[in-house]
Amino acid sequence: MTAAPATSQAEPKDLRGAERYSPRRDFLKRFFRNKPAVLALWILIVLAVVAVVFTSMEITQRYWPYDPHSVDLTVKLQGPSGAHPLGTDNLGRDVLTRMLHGTRISLTVGFVAVAVSVTIGVLIGSMAGYFGGVVDSVLMRFVDMMMCFPTFFLILTVVALLKPSIYNIIIVIGLTGWTGTARFVRAEFLSLRGRDFVLAALAGGLGNGRIIFRHILPNALAPVAVSAVLGIAGAILTEAGLSFLGFGVPPPAPTWGNILADGKTYILDAWWLIVFPGMAIFVTTLSFYLVGEGLREALDPRLRID
């Protein structure tokens, strides 16, 4: 008769001692279990710090280790050395300095262009998925029409008609890269708009705008985050390609793409003008892809094995 109360009191104690489930903790645990994604994340953090530091140098006009715009023909096309670890270009400018300053431009183009494209994609995708019917048909036919155009050649055509600048590059990439995000968001809204919490919000008399942005959209952002990270890599590649073809950020602003463009003329005599900026583009885009893949595996319950 006296043993039963002791057992009933022990069970709540065990339950109180159990660790409470936290979605954020679960996501972090799954993401940091992916070693390539974690390594890629650290690389991107270092690149972000470099971009911030060299942006401040550009603003204050205090350069290190050299002025990226300073021309010195006495040391042109010199290979890697103690004075110039990554060599010099055809105008005697230090390649390491120009690449460090180019990090700022490449990441700026990537992040801002993707911010523009994600904003447009989220707005169109949420409207199409939530309202459905005629609104969905009209918006998705517009998305299909945009996807029919070869994106890079469309960007190339528009940039060729405009004055080359970093702002035009960002706007053009942002205005042409939103279709994938729109389709992701629409699919999520179609699966969520019939859930109980949405029906309860409708029954409570909440407006469409509040239901879309306060109730459905926060639950649909997981695939958008993955798409945005992958989109940054695509934007960096697009900017490098445009700069390589001479339609990107105009000289003398240093970018990885126009360093490559300067080096193509001297590919047999100055290999460092091709190898080092090419490796920078490769490592940066690969890092974004690995982080995006890590986010997808951590956020998608269908990929969980435990």
Protein backbone atom coordinates (compact mmCIF):
# COMPACT_ATOMS: atom_id res chain seq x y z
CA MET A 1 0.00 0.00 0.00
CA THR A 2 2.87 2.36 0.65
CA ALA A 3 4.98 1.47 -2.44
CA ALA A 4 2.56 2.76 -5.09
CA PRO A 5 2.78 6.47 -4.16
CA ALA A 6 6.59 6.32 -4.29
CA THR A 7 6.47 4.94 -7.85
CA SER A 8 3.93 7.53 -9.00
CA GLN A 9 6.10 10.33 -7.62
CA ALA A 10 9.24 9.02 -9.34
CA GLU A 11 7.71 9.11 -12.84
CA PRO A 12 7.13 12.91 -12.99
CA LYS A 13 10.67 13.41 -11.70
CA ASP A 14 12.03 11.35 -14.60
CA LEU A 15 9.89 13.25 -17.06
CA ARG A 16 11.06 16.59 -15.69
CA GLY A 17 14.66 15.46 -16.07
CA ALA A 18 14.17 14.51 -19.75
CA GLU A 19 15.55 16.95 -22.31
CA ARG A 20 12.80 18.97 -23.99
CA TYR A 21 12.74 18.85 -27.79
CA SER A 22 13.91 22.04 -29.50
CA PRO A 23 13.62 22.43 -33.30
CA ARG A 24 16.49 24.91 -33.32
CA ARG A 25 18.75 22.60 -31.34
CA ASP A 26 17.79 19.68 -33.55
CA PHE A 27 18.58 21.69 -36.71
CA LEU A 28 21.97 22.81 -35.40
CA LYS A 29 22.86 19.29 -34.33
CA ARG A 30 22.03 17.89 -37.76
CA PHE A 31 23.79 20.68 -39.63
CA PHE A 32 27.02 20.54 -37.62
CA ARG A 33 27.08 16.78 -38.09
CA ASN A 34 27.75 17.49 -41.78
CA LYS A 35 31.53 18.09 -41.75
CA PRO A 36 31.90 19.39 -45.35
CA ALA A 37 29.10 21.91 -44.76
CA VAL A 38 30.71 23.11 -41.52
CA LEU A 39 34.10 23.52 -43.22
CA ALA A 40 32.43 25.42 -46.07
CA LEU A 41 30.64 27.64 -43.54
CA TRP A 42 33.95 28.59 -41.91
CA ILE A 43 35.40 29.44 -45.34
CA LEU A 44 32.43 31.72 -46.03
CA ILE A 45 32.79 33.38 -42.62
CA VAL A 46 36.46 34.13 -43.40
CA LEU A 47 35.47 35.55 -46.80
CA ALA A 48 32.79 37.70 -45.16
CA VAL A 49 35.32 39.09 -42.67
CA VAL A 50 37.73 39.83 -45.54
CA ALA A 51 34.96 41.61 -47.43
CA VAL A 52 34.05 43.78 -44.42
CA VAL A 53 37.69 44.67 -43.65
CA PHE A 54 38.54 45.60 -47.22
CA THR A 55 35.31 47.55 -47.62
CA SER A 56 36.42 49.73 -44.70
CA MET A 57 39.83 50.10 -46.36
CA GLU A 58 38.16 51.20 -49.58
CA ILE A 59 36.10 53.78 -47.70
CA THR A 60 39.05 55.17 -45.76
CA GLN A 61 41.47 54.90 -48.73
CA ARG A 62 43.97 53.00 -46.58
CA TYR A 63 45.12 49.99 -48.55
CA TRP A 64 47.02 46.86 -47.55
CA PRO A 65 49.36 45.37 -48.63
CA TYR A 66 49.25 47.56 -51.78
CA ASP A 67 46.92 49.96 -53.50
CA PRO A 68 44.79 47.77 -55.83
CA HIS A 69 44.64 50.58 -58.40
CA SER A 70 48.33 51.54 -58.32
CA VAL A 71 50.15 50.91 -61.62
CA ASP A 72 53.87 50.00 -61.56
CA LEU A 73 55.12 48.85 -64.95
CA THR A 74 58.55 48.05 -63.54
CA VAL A 75 57.14 44.93 -61.85
CA LYS A 76 54.54 43.87 -64.40
CA LEU A 77 53.84 40.15 -64.92
CA GLN A 78 56.10 39.05 -62.11
CA GLY A 79 55.39 35.61 -60.71
CA PRO A 80 54.59 34.81 -57.07
CA SER A 81 57.31 36.02 -54.74
CA GLY A 82 57.83 37.28 -51.20
CA ALA A 83 56.92 40.83 -52.22
CA HIS A 84 53.92 39.71 -54.28
CA PRO A 85 52.65 36.31 -53.01
CA LEU A 86 50.25 35.87 -55.95
CA GLY A 87 52.29 37.78 -58.54
CA THR A 88 51.44 40.93 -60.47
CA ASP A 89 49.31 41.62 -63.54
CA ASN A 90 50.13 43.29 -66.87
CA LEU A 91 50.05 46.74 -65.22
CA GLY A 92 52.18 45.77 -62.23
CA ARG A 93 49.25 45.67 -59.79
CA ASP A 94 49.44 43.19 -56.92
CA VAL A 95 47.11 40.26 -57.64
CA LEU A 96 46.63 39.34 -53.97
CA THR A 97 45.45 42.85 -53.12
CA ARG A 98 43.09 42.96 -56.09
CA MET A 99 41.64 39.56 -55.21
CA LEU A 100 41.06 40.58 -51.60
CA HIS A 101 39.24 43.70 -52.74
CA GLY A 102 37.40 41.62 -55.33
CA THR A 103 35.94 39.51 -52.51
CA ARG A 104 33.94 42.54 -51.44
CA ILE A 105 32.41 43.03 -54.87
CA SER A 106 31.68 39.34 -55.50
CA LEU A 107 29.93 38.82 -52.16
CA THR A 108 28.04 42.11 -52.47
CA VAL A 109 26.71 41.12 -55.87
CA GLY A 110 25.78 37.66 -54.60
CA PHE A 111 23.97 38.69 -51.44
CA VAL A 112 22.16 41.79 -52.72
CA ALA A 113 21.11 40.21 -56.03
CA VAL A 114 19.72 37.17 -54.21
CA ALA A 115 17.93 39.43 -51.71
CA VAL A 116 16.17 41.10 -54.66
CA SER A 117 15.32 37.81 -56.36
CA VAL A 118 14.10 36.14 -53.16
CA THR A 119 11.84 39.10 -52.34
CA ILE A 120 10.23 38.96 -55.79
CA GLY A 121 9.97 35.17 -55.73
CA VAL A 122 8.39 35.08 -52.26
CA LEU A 123 5.79 37.70 -53.19
CA ILE A 124 4.77 36.03 -56.46
CA GLY A 125 4.91 32.48 -55.09
CA SER A 126 2.89 33.32 -51.98
CA MET A 127 0.18 35.11 -53.98
CA ALA A 128 -0.08 32.21 -56.44
CA GLY A 129 -0.13 29.50 -53.79
CA TYR A 130 -2.51 31.22 -51.39
CA PHE A 131 -5.18 32.55 -53.74
CA GLY A 132 -5.01 29.80 -56.37
CA GLY A 133 -7.46 29.79 -59.27
CA VAL A 134 -7.06 32.57 -61.83
CA VAL A 135 -4.37 34.34 -59.80
CA ASP A 136 -2.30 31.16 -59.68
CA SER A 137 -2.75 30.48 -63.40
CA VAL A 138 -1.76 33.99 -64.48
CA LEU A 139 1.25 34.25 -62.19
CA MET A 140 2.59 30.78 -62.95
CA ARG A 141 2.23 31.28 -66.72
CA PHE A 142 4.33 34.42 -66.25
CA VAL A 143 6.87 32.36 -64.32
CA ASP A 144 6.92 29.73 -67.08
CA MET A 145 7.44 32.44 -69.68
CA MET A 146 10.41 33.84 -67.72
CA MET A 147 11.91 30.37 -67.38
CA CYS A 148 11.76 29.86 -71.16
CA PHE A 149 14.39 32.56 -71.70
CA PRO A 150 18.05 31.49 -71.38
CA THR A 151 18.86 33.43 -68.22
CA PHE A 152 22.52 34.17 -68.88
CA PHE A 153 21.91 35.40 -72.42
CA LEU A 154 19.00 37.52 -71.22
CA ILE A 155 21.27 39.07 -68.58
CA LEU A 156 24.00 39.53 -71.20
CA THR A 157 21.59 41.33 -73.54
CA VAL A 158 20.22 43.64 -70.88
CA VAL A 159 23.65 44.50 -69.49
CA ALA A 160 24.95 45.19 -73.01
CA LEU A 161 22.18 47.79 -73.44
CA LEU A 162 22.86 49.45 -70.08
CA LYS A 163 25.88 51.25 -68.73
CA PRO A 164 28.12 48.66 -67.01
CA SER A 165 28.10 49.11 -63.23
CA ILE A 166 27.82 47.01 -60.11
CA TYR A 167 24.30 48.34 -59.51
CA ASN A 168 23.07 47.30 -62.95
CA ILE A 169 24.62 43.87 -62.51
CA ILE A 170 22.85 43.41 -59.16
CA ILE A 171 19.48 44.59 -60.50
CA VAL A 172 19.62 42.46 -63.64
CA ILE A 173 20.64 39.29 -61.78
CA GLY A 174 18.01 39.94 -59.13
CA LEU A 175 15.23 40.53 -61.66
CA THR A 176 15.98 37.34 -63.59
CA GLY A 177 16.75 34.87 -60.79
CA TRP A 178 13.47 34.70 -58.85
CA THR A 179 11.56 32.01 -60.77
CA GLY A 180 12.88 29.03 -58.81
CA THR A 181 12.06 30.69 -55.48
CA ALA A 182 8.54 31.50 -56.69
CA ARG A 183 7.89 27.86 -57.55
CA PHE A 184 9.26 26.66 -54.19
CA VAL A 185 7.10 29.10 -52.23
CA ARG A 186 3.99 28.30 -54.28
CA ALA A 187 4.41 24.58 -53.62
CA GLU A 188 4.79 25.17 -49.88
CA PHE A 189 1.73 27.44 -49.78
CA LEU A 190 -0.36 24.86 -51.64
CA SER A 191 0.53 22.25 -49.01
CA LEU A 192 0.03 24.58 -46.04
CA ARG A 193 -3.08 26.59 -46.87
CA GLY A 194 -5.39 23.71 -45.94
CA ARG A 195 -3.79 23.08 -42.53
CA ASP A 196 -5.75 23.54 -39.32
CA PHE A 197 -3.85 26.63 -38.16
CA VAL A 198 -4.66 28.42 -41.43
CA LEU A 199 -8.34 27.43 -41.25
CA ALA A 200 -8.43 28.64 -37.64
CA ALA A 201 -6.94 31.98 -38.70
CA LEU A 202 -9.58 32.31 -41.43
CA ALA A 203 -12.32 31.45 -38.98
CA GLY A 204 -10.97 34.10 -36.62
CA GLY A 205 -11.49 36.77 -39.26
CA LEU A 206 -7.83 37.58 -39.93
CA GLY A 207 -7.00 39.34 -43.19
CA ASN A 208 -5.26 37.65 -46.10
CA GLY A 209 -2.08 39.68 -45.64
CA ARG A 210 -1.69 38.68 -42.00
CA ILE A 211 -2.39 35.02 -42.74
CA ILE A 212 0.14 34.99 -45.57
CA PHE A 213 2.99 36.80 -43.85
CA ARG A 214 2.40 35.91 -40.17
CA HIS A 215 1.11 32.34 -40.35
CA ILE A 216 1.98 30.56 -43.62
CA LEU A 217 5.18 32.22 -44.82
CA PRO A 218 7.29 31.50 -41.69
CA ASN A 219 6.48 27.80 -42.17
CA ALA A 220 7.45 27.93 -45.86
CA LEU A 221 10.88 29.54 -45.55
CA ALA A 222 13.00 26.38 -45.17
CA PRO A 223 13.30 25.62 -48.92
CA VAL A 224 13.62 29.36 -49.60
CA ALA A 225 16.70 29.55 -47.35
CA VAL A 226 18.33 26.66 -49.20
CA SER A 227 17.44 28.20 -52.58
CA ALA A 228 18.86 31.57 -51.49
CA VAL A 229 22.21 30.09 -50.44
CA LEU A 230 22.52 28.24 -53.75
CA GLY A 231 21.42 31.39 -55.58
CA ILE A 232 24.31 33.37 -54.09
CA ALA A 233 26.75 30.92 -55.69
CA GLY A 234 24.95 31.30 -59.02
CA ALA A 235 25.02 35.09 -58.79
CA ILE A 236 28.77 35.09 -58.09
CA LEU A 237 29.36 32.84 -61.09
CA THR A 238 27.17 35.05 -63.28
CA GLU A 239 29.03 38.20 -62.23
CA ALA A 240 32.38 36.52 -62.87
CA GLY A 241 31.21 35.40 -66.30
CA LEU A 242 29.95 38.87 -67.22
CA SER A 243 33.18 40.49 -66.01
CA PHE A 244 35.21 37.95 -67.96
CA LEU A 245 33.29 38.86 -71.12
CA GLY A 246 33.71 42.58 -70.46
CA PHE A 247 30.08 43.29 -69.50
CA GLY A 248 30.50 43.20 -65.73
CA VAL A 249 31.81 45.66 -63.18
CA PRO A 250 33.96 48.11 -65.18
CA PRO A 251 37.70 48.60 -64.51
CA PRO A 252 39.60 49.67 -62.52
CA ALA A 253 37.36 48.10 -59.86
CA PRO A 254 38.94 44.72 -59.06
CA THR A 255 36.74 41.63 -59.42
CA TRP A 256 37.68 37.99 -59.79
CA GLY A 257 36.10 37.98 -63.23
CA ASN A 258 38.04 40.89 -64.71
CA ILE A 259 41.31 39.57 -63.20
CA LEU A 260 40.62 36.43 -65.21
CA ALA A 261 39.78 38.55 -68.24
CA ASP A 262 43.11 40.39 -67.94
CA GLY A 263 44.95 37.09 -67.63
CA LYS A 264 43.51 35.37 -70.70
CA THR A 265 45.85 37.36 -72.95
CA TYR A 266 48.88 36.16 -70.97
CA ILE A 267 47.71 32.63 -70.20
CA LEU A 268 50.99 31.07 -71.39
CA ASP A 269 53.23 33.64 -69.69
CA ALA A 270 51.36 34.47 -66.45
CA TRP A 271 49.52 31.36 -65.24
CA TRP A 272 48.88 32.97 -61.84
CA LEU A 273 46.42 35.43 -63.40
CA ILE A 274 44.19 32.47 -64.29
CA VAL A 275 44.81 29.95 -61.52
CA PHE A 276 44.37 32.07 -58.40
CA PRO A 277 41.15 33.95 -59.28
CA GLY A 278 39.77 30.76 -60.81
CA MET A 279 40.42 28.90 -57.58
CA ALA A 280 38.81 31.73 -55.58
CA ILE A 281 35.63 31.48 -57.67
CA PHE A 282 35.65 27.67 -57.46
CA VAL A 283 36.18 27.49 -53.68
CA THR A 284 33.59 30.20 -52.94
CA THR A 285 30.84 28.74 -55.11
CA LEU A 286 31.58 25.20 -53.88
CA SER A 287 31.36 26.45 -50.28
CA PHE A 288 27.94 27.97 -50.90
CA TYR A 289 26.74 24.76 -52.54
CA LEU A 290 27.99 22.65 -49.62
CA VAL A 291 26.33 24.94 -47.07
CA GLY A 292 23.11 24.84 -49.08
CA GLU A 293 23.23 21.05 -49.20
CA GLY A 294 23.87 20.96 -45.45
CA LEU A 295 20.87 23.19 -44.83
CA ARG A 296 18.69 21.04 -47.07
CA GLU A 297 19.64 17.85 -45.22
CA ALA A 298 19.11 19.50 -41.82
CA LEU A 299 15.75 21.05 -42.70
CA ASP A 300 14.16 18.30 -44.82
CA PRO A 301 12.67 15.55 -42.59
CA ARG A 302 12.57 13.14 -45.55
CA LEU A 303 16.39 13.07 -45.59
CA ARG A 304 16.78 12.22 -41.91
CA ILE A 305 18.02 8.75 -41.11
CA ASP A 306 17.80 8.91 -37.29
